[in-house]
N, C-alpha and C. Protein backbone atom coordinates (compact mmCIF):
# COMPACT_ATOMS: atom_id res chain seq x y z
N UNK A 1 95.26 143.07 61.78
CA UNK A 1 96.55 142.43 61.93
C UNK A 1 96.75 141.91 63.35
N UNK A 2 96.35 142.70 64.34
CA UNK A 2 96.50 142.29 65.74
C UNK A 2 95.67 141.04 66.04
N UNK A 3 94.46 140.96 65.42
CA UNK A 3 93.61 139.79 65.63
C UNK A 3 94.30 138.53 65.12
N UNK A 4 94.96 138.62 63.98
CA UNK A 4 95.65 137.46 63.42
C UNK A 4 96.80 137.02 64.32
N UNK A 5 97.54 137.96 64.85
CA UNK A 5 98.64 137.64 65.75
C UNK A 5 98.09 137.00 67.03
N UNK A 6 97.00 137.56 67.57
CA UNK A 6 96.39 137.00 68.78
C UNK A 6 95.87 135.59 68.53
N UNK A 7 95.22 135.37 67.40
CA UNK A 7 94.70 134.03 67.06
C UNK A 7 95.86 133.05 66.90
N UNK A 8 96.93 133.45 66.22
CA UNK A 8 98.10 132.58 66.06
C UNK A 8 98.75 132.25 67.40
N UNK A 9 98.82 133.23 68.29
CA UNK A 9 99.40 133.00 69.62
C UNK A 9 98.56 132.01 70.42
N UNK A 10 97.24 132.15 70.38
CA UNK A 10 96.35 131.22 71.10
C UNK A 10 96.48 129.82 70.53
N UNK A 11 96.51 129.68 69.22
CA UNK A 11 96.67 128.36 68.60
C UNK A 11 98.01 127.74 68.99
N UNK A 12 99.07 128.55 68.99
CA UNK A 12 100.39 128.03 69.38
C UNK A 12 100.39 127.55 70.82
N UNK A 13 99.77 128.30 71.73
CA UNK A 13 99.71 127.89 73.14
C UNK A 13 98.90 126.60 73.30
N UNK A 14 97.78 126.50 72.63
CA UNK A 14 96.98 125.29 72.72
C UNK A 14 97.71 124.10 72.11
N UNK A 15 98.44 124.29 71.05
CA UNK A 15 99.20 123.21 70.42
C UNK A 15 100.31 122.73 71.34
N UNK A 16 100.95 123.65 72.04
CA UNK A 16 102.02 123.26 72.96
C UNK A 16 101.49 122.36 74.06
N UNK A 17 100.26 122.58 74.51
CA UNK A 17 99.72 121.72 75.56
C UNK A 17 99.47 120.31 75.06
N UNK A 18 99.19 120.13 73.77
CA UNK A 18 98.98 118.79 73.25
C UNK A 18 100.30 118.04 73.07
N UNK A 19 101.42 118.73 72.96
CA UNK A 19 102.70 118.05 72.83
C UNK A 19 102.98 117.19 74.05
N UNK A 20 102.62 117.62 75.23
CA UNK A 20 102.84 116.85 76.44
C UNK A 20 102.02 115.59 76.49
N UNK A 21 100.97 115.49 75.66
CA UNK A 21 100.13 114.31 75.67
C UNK A 21 100.66 113.23 74.73
N UNK A 22 101.58 113.57 73.86
CA UNK A 22 102.20 112.58 73.00
C UNK A 22 103.29 111.86 73.77
N UNK A 23 103.57 110.65 73.34
CA UNK A 23 104.59 109.84 73.99
C UNK A 23 105.69 109.56 72.99
N UNK A 24 106.94 109.80 73.38
CA UNK A 24 108.05 109.47 72.50
C UNK A 24 108.14 107.95 72.36
N UNK A 25 108.63 107.48 71.26
CA UNK A 25 108.60 106.07 70.89
C UNK A 25 109.44 105.18 71.83
N UNK A 26 110.59 105.67 72.32
CA UNK A 26 111.48 104.83 73.12
C UNK A 26 111.86 105.50 74.44
N UNK A 27 112.00 104.68 75.50
CA UNK A 27 112.56 105.09 76.78
C UNK A 27 113.80 104.23 77.02
N UNK A 28 114.97 104.86 77.08
CA UNK A 28 116.22 104.14 77.33
C UNK A 28 116.71 104.48 78.73
N UNK A 29 117.16 103.47 79.47
CA UNK A 29 117.63 103.66 80.84
C UNK A 29 119.03 103.07 80.98
N UNK A 30 119.85 103.71 81.79
CA UNK A 30 121.16 103.17 82.14
C UNK A 30 121.55 103.66 83.52
N UNK A 31 122.09 102.75 84.35
CA UNK A 31 122.48 103.18 85.68
C UNK A 31 123.00 102.07 86.57
N UNK A 32 122.96 102.33 87.85
CA UNK A 32 123.47 101.46 88.91
C UNK A 32 122.41 100.43 89.31
N UNK A 33 122.86 99.24 89.67
CA UNK A 33 121.96 98.19 90.14
C UNK A 33 122.53 97.52 91.38
N UNK A 34 121.67 97.28 92.35
CA UNK A 34 122.03 96.56 93.58
C UNK A 34 121.17 95.29 93.62
N UNK A 35 121.81 94.14 93.82
CA UNK A 35 121.11 92.86 93.86
C UNK A 35 121.34 92.19 95.20
N UNK A 36 120.24 91.91 95.91
CA UNK A 36 120.31 91.12 97.13
C UNK A 36 119.87 89.72 96.77
N UNK A 37 120.80 88.79 96.84
CA UNK A 37 120.56 87.42 96.40
C UNK A 37 120.32 86.51 97.59
N UNK A 38 119.24 85.73 97.50
CA UNK A 38 118.93 84.71 98.50
C UNK A 38 119.17 83.35 97.85
N UNK A 39 120.30 82.70 98.15
CA UNK A 39 120.61 81.45 97.47
C UNK A 39 119.73 80.27 97.88
N UNK A 40 118.91 80.41 98.90
CA UNK A 40 118.03 79.32 99.32
C UNK A 40 118.77 78.23 100.07
N UNK A 41 118.04 77.24 100.51
CA UNK A 41 118.58 76.06 101.22
C UNK A 41 119.47 76.43 102.40
N UNK A 42 119.14 77.51 103.09
CA UNK A 42 119.90 77.88 104.28
C UNK A 42 121.27 78.46 104.01
N UNK A 43 121.64 78.69 102.75
CA UNK A 43 122.93 79.28 102.44
C UNK A 43 122.89 80.78 102.73
N UNK A 44 124.07 81.34 102.94
CA UNK A 44 124.18 82.76 103.27
C UNK A 44 123.83 83.64 102.07
N UNK A 45 123.04 84.69 102.30
CA UNK A 45 122.67 85.61 101.22
C UNK A 45 123.87 86.47 100.84
N UNK A 46 123.80 87.04 99.64
CA UNK A 46 124.90 87.86 99.14
C UNK A 46 124.35 89.16 98.59
N UNK A 47 125.15 90.21 98.67
CA UNK A 47 124.80 91.52 98.13
C UNK A 47 125.79 91.83 97.01
N UNK A 48 125.27 92.27 95.88
CA UNK A 48 126.11 92.53 94.72
C UNK A 48 125.77 93.89 94.12
N UNK A 49 126.77 94.55 93.59
CA UNK A 49 126.58 95.81 92.88
C UNK A 49 126.86 95.59 91.41
N UNK A 50 126.30 96.47 90.58
CA UNK A 50 126.54 96.33 89.15
C UNK A 50 125.86 97.42 88.36
N UNK A 51 125.37 97.06 87.19
CA UNK A 51 124.78 98.01 86.26
C UNK A 51 123.49 97.43 85.71
N UNK A 52 122.67 98.32 85.16
CA UNK A 52 121.43 97.90 84.53
C UNK A 52 121.13 98.83 83.36
N UNK A 53 120.59 98.26 82.29
CA UNK A 53 120.13 99.04 81.15
C UNK A 53 118.78 98.48 80.71
N UNK A 54 117.98 99.31 80.07
CA UNK A 54 116.74 98.82 79.50
C UNK A 54 116.32 99.73 78.36
N UNK A 55 115.52 99.16 77.48
CA UNK A 55 114.94 99.91 76.38
C UNK A 55 113.47 99.51 76.31
N UNK A 56 112.60 100.50 76.42
CA UNK A 56 111.16 100.25 76.36
C UNK A 56 110.62 100.89 75.08
N UNK A 57 110.01 100.06 74.23
CA UNK A 57 109.35 100.55 73.03
C UNK A 57 107.90 100.82 73.39
N UNK A 58 107.50 102.07 73.33
CA UNK A 58 106.13 102.48 73.69
C UNK A 58 105.20 102.24 72.52
N UNK A 59 104.41 101.18 72.62
CA UNK A 59 103.45 100.86 71.58
C UNK A 59 102.36 101.93 71.53
N UNK A 60 101.95 102.40 72.69
CA UNK A 60 101.05 103.54 72.80
C UNK A 60 101.39 104.27 74.10
N UNK A 61 100.52 105.13 74.55
CA UNK A 61 100.80 105.97 75.72
C UNK A 61 101.02 105.17 77.00
N UNK A 62 100.41 104.01 77.14
CA UNK A 62 100.47 103.27 78.40
C UNK A 62 101.08 101.87 78.30
N UNK A 63 101.20 101.29 77.10
CA UNK A 63 101.71 99.92 76.96
C UNK A 63 102.97 99.90 76.12
N UNK A 64 103.98 99.17 76.62
CA UNK A 64 105.23 99.06 75.89
C UNK A 64 105.81 97.66 75.98
N UNK A 65 106.84 97.41 75.20
CA UNK A 65 107.60 96.16 75.25
C UNK A 65 109.01 96.50 75.71
N UNK A 66 109.44 95.87 76.80
CA UNK A 66 110.70 96.23 77.45
C UNK A 66 111.74 95.13 77.30
N UNK A 67 112.98 95.54 77.04
CA UNK A 67 114.13 94.64 77.14
C UNK A 67 115.01 95.18 78.26
N UNK A 68 115.48 94.29 79.11
CA UNK A 68 116.21 94.66 80.32
C UNK A 68 117.47 93.81 80.40
N UNK A 69 118.63 94.45 80.52
CA UNK A 69 119.90 93.75 80.60
C UNK A 69 120.66 94.29 81.80
N UNK A 70 121.13 93.39 82.67
CA UNK A 70 121.85 93.83 83.88
C UNK A 70 122.99 92.89 84.20
N UNK A 71 123.95 93.43 84.95
CA UNK A 71 125.09 92.64 85.43
C UNK A 71 125.37 92.97 86.88
N UNK A 72 125.58 91.94 87.69
CA UNK A 72 125.87 92.12 89.12
C UNK A 72 127.12 91.33 89.48
N UNK A 73 127.97 91.93 90.32
CA UNK A 73 129.26 91.34 90.64
C UNK A 73 129.44 91.33 92.15
N UNK A 74 129.91 90.22 92.63
CA UNK A 74 129.98 90.02 94.09
C UNK A 74 131.34 89.46 94.48
N UNK A 75 131.35 89.05 95.68
CA UNK A 75 132.52 88.50 96.35
C UNK A 75 133.18 87.36 95.56
N UNK A 76 134.46 87.28 95.62
CA UNK A 76 135.29 86.22 95.03
C UNK A 76 134.94 85.91 93.58
N UNK A 77 134.74 86.93 92.78
CA UNK A 77 134.55 86.76 91.35
C UNK A 77 133.20 86.24 90.90
N UNK A 78 132.22 86.18 91.78
CA UNK A 78 130.89 85.73 91.34
C UNK A 78 130.21 86.84 90.55
N UNK A 79 129.49 86.41 89.51
CA UNK A 79 128.78 87.39 88.68
C UNK A 79 127.47 86.78 88.21
N UNK A 80 126.55 87.69 87.83
CA UNK A 80 125.28 87.26 87.26
C UNK A 80 124.84 88.31 86.25
N UNK A 81 124.54 87.86 85.03
CA UNK A 81 124.02 88.72 83.98
C UNK A 81 122.63 88.23 83.60
N UNK A 82 121.70 89.17 83.46
CA UNK A 82 120.31 88.84 83.15
C UNK A 82 119.88 89.55 81.89
N UNK A 83 119.20 88.81 81.00
CA UNK A 83 118.61 89.36 79.79
C UNK A 83 117.14 88.99 79.80
N UNK A 84 116.27 90.02 79.99
CA UNK A 84 114.85 89.80 80.20
C UNK A 84 114.02 90.65 79.23
N UNK A 85 112.84 90.13 78.86
CA UNK A 85 111.92 90.82 77.96
C UNK A 85 110.50 90.68 78.48
N UNK A 86 109.65 91.67 78.18
CA UNK A 86 108.25 91.54 78.53
C UNK A 86 107.49 92.85 78.44
N UNK A 87 106.20 92.79 78.78
CA UNK A 87 105.36 93.99 78.70
C UNK A 87 105.59 94.93 79.88
N UNK A 88 105.39 96.22 79.61
CA UNK A 88 105.45 97.24 80.66
C UNK A 88 104.24 98.17 80.51
N UNK A 89 103.57 98.43 81.61
CA UNK A 89 102.46 99.37 81.65
C UNK A 89 102.95 100.63 82.36
N UNK A 90 102.74 101.79 81.72
CA UNK A 90 103.23 103.06 82.27
C UNK A 90 102.07 104.01 82.50
N UNK A 91 102.04 104.62 83.67
CA UNK A 91 101.06 105.64 84.03
C UNK A 91 101.78 106.98 83.96
N UNK A 92 101.46 107.77 82.95
CA UNK A 92 102.20 109.01 82.67
C UNK A 92 101.52 110.20 83.32
N UNK A 93 102.32 111.00 83.99
CA UNK A 93 101.88 112.27 84.58
C UNK A 93 102.77 113.37 84.03
N UNK A 94 102.52 114.61 84.45
CA UNK A 94 103.24 115.74 83.87
C UNK A 94 104.76 115.61 84.03
N UNK A 95 105.24 115.30 85.22
CA UNK A 95 106.69 115.20 85.44
C UNK A 95 107.14 113.82 85.90
N UNK A 96 106.22 112.89 86.06
CA UNK A 96 106.60 111.56 86.55
C UNK A 96 105.90 110.48 85.75
N UNK A 97 106.63 109.39 85.53
CA UNK A 97 106.07 108.19 84.93
C UNK A 97 106.18 107.06 85.94
N UNK A 98 105.07 106.42 86.24
CA UNK A 98 105.04 105.27 87.14
C UNK A 98 104.84 104.04 86.26
N UNK A 99 105.60 102.96 86.49
CA UNK A 99 105.49 101.80 85.62
C UNK A 99 105.56 100.50 86.41
N UNK A 100 104.94 99.47 85.82
CA UNK A 100 105.03 98.09 86.32
C UNK A 100 105.33 97.20 85.12
N UNK A 101 106.03 96.08 85.37
CA UNK A 101 106.37 95.17 84.29
C UNK A 101 106.46 93.73 84.78
N UNK A 102 106.34 92.82 83.84
CA UNK A 102 106.57 91.41 84.05
C UNK A 102 107.52 90.94 82.96
N UNK A 103 108.68 90.41 83.34
CA UNK A 103 109.73 90.10 82.38
C UNK A 103 110.17 88.64 82.52
N UNK A 104 110.58 88.05 81.43
CA UNK A 104 111.12 86.69 81.45
C UNK A 104 112.30 86.61 80.51
N UNK A 105 113.21 85.66 80.79
CA UNK A 105 114.38 85.52 79.94
C UNK A 105 115.38 84.55 80.50
N UNK A 106 116.64 84.93 80.39
CA UNK A 106 117.73 84.04 80.78
C UNK A 106 118.71 84.76 81.72
N UNK A 107 119.29 83.99 82.63
CA UNK A 107 120.32 84.49 83.53
C UNK A 107 121.59 83.65 83.32
N UNK A 108 122.73 84.32 83.23
CA UNK A 108 124.01 83.64 83.11
C UNK A 108 124.85 84.02 84.32
N UNK A 109 125.31 83.03 85.05
CA UNK A 109 126.09 83.32 86.24
C UNK A 109 127.03 82.19 86.59
N UNK A 110 127.78 82.41 87.65
CA UNK A 110 128.72 81.40 88.12
C UNK A 110 128.65 81.23 89.63
N UNK A 111 127.47 80.93 90.19
CA UNK A 111 127.43 80.69 91.63
C UNK A 111 128.19 79.41 91.96
N UNK A 112 128.98 79.46 92.99
CA UNK A 112 129.76 78.29 93.37
C UNK A 112 130.86 77.96 92.39
N UNK A 113 131.23 78.91 91.51
CA UNK A 113 132.34 78.70 90.59
C UNK A 113 131.99 77.94 89.33
N UNK A 114 130.73 77.53 89.15
CA UNK A 114 130.32 76.80 87.95
C UNK A 114 129.44 77.71 87.10
N UNK A 115 129.86 77.94 85.86
CA UNK A 115 129.11 78.81 84.96
C UNK A 115 127.88 78.07 84.42
N UNK A 116 126.73 78.78 84.37
CA UNK A 116 125.50 78.14 83.95
C UNK A 116 124.54 79.18 83.36
N UNK A 117 123.66 78.75 82.47
CA UNK A 117 122.58 79.56 81.93
C UNK A 117 121.26 78.96 82.41
N UNK A 118 120.42 79.79 83.01
CA UNK A 118 119.14 79.31 83.54
C UNK A 118 118.03 80.30 83.21
N UNK A 119 116.80 79.82 83.31
CA UNK A 119 115.65 80.70 83.11
C UNK A 119 115.55 81.68 84.27
N UNK A 120 115.02 82.87 83.95
CA UNK A 120 114.85 83.91 84.98
C UNK A 120 113.58 84.68 84.67
N UNK A 121 112.98 85.23 85.71
CA UNK A 121 111.83 86.12 85.52
C UNK A 121 111.84 87.18 86.60
N UNK A 122 111.21 88.31 86.28
CA UNK A 122 111.18 89.44 87.21
C UNK A 122 109.82 90.12 87.15
N UNK A 123 109.36 90.57 88.30
CA UNK A 123 108.14 91.38 88.42
C UNK A 123 108.50 92.59 89.25
N UNK A 124 108.06 93.76 88.81
CA UNK A 124 108.38 94.95 89.59
C UNK A 124 107.86 96.21 88.94
N UNK A 125 108.46 97.31 89.36
CA UNK A 125 108.06 98.60 88.84
C UNK A 125 108.93 99.70 89.37
N UNK A 126 108.55 100.92 89.03
CA UNK A 126 109.35 102.04 89.48
C UNK A 126 108.76 103.37 89.07
N UNK A 127 109.57 104.41 89.25
CA UNK A 127 109.13 105.76 88.92
C UNK A 127 110.29 106.53 88.29
N UNK A 128 109.97 107.23 87.18
CA UNK A 128 110.92 108.10 86.50
C UNK A 128 110.47 109.54 86.68
N UNK A 129 111.40 110.42 87.00
CA UNK A 129 111.12 111.86 87.11
C UNK A 129 111.68 112.51 85.85
N UNK A 130 110.81 113.20 85.11
CA UNK A 130 111.23 113.85 83.86
C UNK A 130 111.57 115.31 84.14
N UNK A 131 112.77 115.72 83.75
CA UNK A 131 113.18 117.11 83.90
C UNK A 131 112.58 117.97 82.80
N UNK A 132 112.44 117.41 81.62
CA UNK A 132 111.87 118.13 80.49
C UNK A 132 110.85 117.23 79.81
N UNK A 133 109.97 117.80 79.01
CA UNK A 133 108.99 117.01 78.27
C UNK A 133 109.65 116.21 77.15
N UNK A 134 110.79 116.66 76.71
CA UNK A 134 111.38 116.03 75.53
C UNK A 134 112.73 115.41 75.81
N UNK A 135 112.74 114.38 76.62
CA UNK A 135 113.92 113.57 76.51
C UNK A 135 114.75 113.17 77.69
N UNK A 136 114.79 113.86 78.79
CA UNK A 136 115.78 113.53 79.81
C UNK A 136 115.13 113.44 81.18
N UNK A 137 115.54 112.43 81.94
CA UNK A 137 114.99 112.29 83.28
C UNK A 137 115.87 111.41 84.16
N UNK A 138 115.38 111.16 85.35
CA UNK A 138 116.08 110.36 86.36
C UNK A 138 115.16 109.25 86.82
N UNK A 139 115.66 108.03 86.81
CA UNK A 139 114.91 106.92 87.39
C UNK A 139 115.16 106.98 88.89
N UNK A 140 114.14 107.43 89.62
CA UNK A 140 114.27 107.54 91.07
C UNK A 140 114.44 106.17 91.69
N UNK A 141 113.81 105.18 91.12
CA UNK A 141 113.99 103.83 91.61
C UNK A 141 113.18 102.83 90.81
N UNK A 142 113.74 101.66 90.68
CA UNK A 142 113.04 100.51 90.11
C UNK A 142 113.31 99.36 91.05
N UNK A 143 112.27 98.70 91.52
CA UNK A 143 112.39 97.59 92.45
C UNK A 143 111.77 96.36 91.82
N UNK A 144 112.55 95.27 91.76
CA UNK A 144 112.10 94.04 91.12
C UNK A 144 112.31 92.84 92.04
N UNK A 145 111.37 91.92 91.97
CA UNK A 145 111.58 90.56 92.47
C UNK A 145 112.15 89.80 91.29
N UNK A 146 113.33 89.22 91.43
CA UNK A 146 114.01 88.51 90.35
C UNK A 146 114.26 87.08 90.80
N UNK A 147 113.69 86.12 90.08
CA UNK A 147 113.85 84.71 90.42
C UNK A 147 114.74 84.01 89.40
N UNK A 148 115.69 83.23 89.89
CA UNK A 148 116.54 82.39 89.05
C UNK A 148 116.57 81.00 89.68
N UNK A 149 117.07 80.01 88.93
CA UNK A 149 117.10 78.64 89.45
C UNK A 149 118.46 78.01 89.11
N UNK A 150 119.47 78.36 89.87
CA UNK A 150 120.80 77.78 89.69
C UNK A 150 120.93 76.53 90.54
N UNK A 151 121.51 75.49 89.96
CA UNK A 151 121.76 74.26 90.70
C UNK A 151 120.50 73.61 91.24
N UNK A 152 119.38 73.81 90.56
CA UNK A 152 118.12 73.22 91.01
C UNK A 152 117.50 73.91 92.21
N UNK A 153 118.08 75.04 92.61
CA UNK A 153 117.58 75.79 93.77
C UNK A 153 117.01 77.12 93.29
N UNK A 154 115.75 77.38 93.59
CA UNK A 154 115.16 78.67 93.23
C UNK A 154 115.74 79.76 94.13
N UNK A 155 116.25 80.79 93.51
CA UNK A 155 116.85 81.90 94.23
C UNK A 155 115.93 83.11 94.13
N UNK A 156 115.46 83.56 95.26
CA UNK A 156 114.55 84.71 95.34
C UNK A 156 115.38 85.95 95.61
N UNK A 157 115.54 86.78 94.59
CA UNK A 157 116.40 87.95 94.67
C UNK A 157 115.58 89.24 94.62
N UNK A 158 116.14 90.29 95.18
CA UNK A 158 115.55 91.63 95.09
C UNK A 158 116.58 92.51 94.39
N UNK A 159 116.12 93.23 93.37
CA UNK A 159 117.01 94.10 92.60
C UNK A 159 116.48 95.53 92.64
N UNK A 160 117.37 96.47 92.95
CA UNK A 160 117.04 97.90 92.95
C UNK A 160 117.95 98.58 91.93
N UNK A 161 117.37 99.44 91.09
CA UNK A 161 118.15 100.17 90.08
C UNK A 161 117.79 101.64 90.10
N UNK A 162 118.78 102.46 89.79
CA UNK A 162 118.58 103.90 89.66
C UNK A 162 119.56 104.43 88.62
N UNK A 163 119.20 105.53 87.96
CA UNK A 163 120.07 106.09 86.93
C UNK A 163 119.34 107.10 86.07
N UNK A 164 119.77 107.21 84.82
CA UNK A 164 119.24 108.21 83.91
C UNK A 164 118.35 107.59 82.84
N UNK A 165 117.34 108.34 82.43
CA UNK A 165 116.39 107.91 81.40
C UNK A 165 116.42 108.92 80.26
N UNK A 166 116.47 108.41 79.04
CA UNK A 166 116.44 109.24 77.84
C UNK A 166 115.25 108.79 76.99
N UNK A 167 114.41 109.73 76.59
CA UNK A 167 113.27 109.44 75.73
C UNK A 167 113.58 109.97 74.35
N UNK A 168 113.32 109.17 73.32
CA UNK A 168 113.64 109.60 71.96
C UNK A 168 112.76 108.87 70.96
N UNK A 169 112.87 109.28 69.71
CA UNK A 169 112.11 108.66 68.62
C UNK A 169 110.88 109.48 68.28
N UNK A 170 110.22 109.10 67.21
CA UNK A 170 108.99 109.79 66.80
C UNK A 170 107.92 109.67 67.87
N UNK A 171 106.96 110.55 67.82
CA UNK A 171 105.91 110.56 68.84
C UNK A 171 104.77 109.64 68.46
N UNK A 172 104.24 108.93 69.48
CA UNK A 172 103.00 108.17 69.33
C UNK A 172 101.86 109.12 69.60
N UNK A 173 100.71 108.84 69.04
CA UNK A 173 99.55 109.66 69.39
C UNK A 173 99.01 109.20 70.74
N UNK A 174 98.03 109.87 71.23
CA UNK A 174 97.48 109.61 72.57
C UNK A 174 96.42 108.51 72.52
N UNK A 175 96.82 107.28 72.14
CA UNK A 175 95.88 106.16 72.07
C UNK A 175 95.60 105.60 73.42
């Protein structure tokens, strides 16, 4: 009887170690966003605060498809909302996930008081710290180069985001 209990305990311990190698299907993020906007053509740069959310569908352990939605608000009622999609590559460790992504989509804003929709793209990455294996963590930081083209002027922006990450959904195998 003791042998059976010992064998069951060893199998349970070994099985628990494989749980950490599986990846939950979705990573959802929500938090604060800071946007440093460079309007180009010698115009004065602007700093804006706002929010950011994203949902990453993990196709496998390292590759996912990300949707990113953010809003930034600045001086005298100026705002910018971005809706971006693209691939994300994640390097998973025991308590930290490091990721890089390339995203493209649309930006809606009102620079200079005129509302407009323009193409936008972002390249960047960041790091998430996981408190538990199953579900909750903190995005220590995500840093992106975000380009938009309002009024025929390419705007080279830097966006920093931080907040909470929730992992959920069925598990992917370790592909």
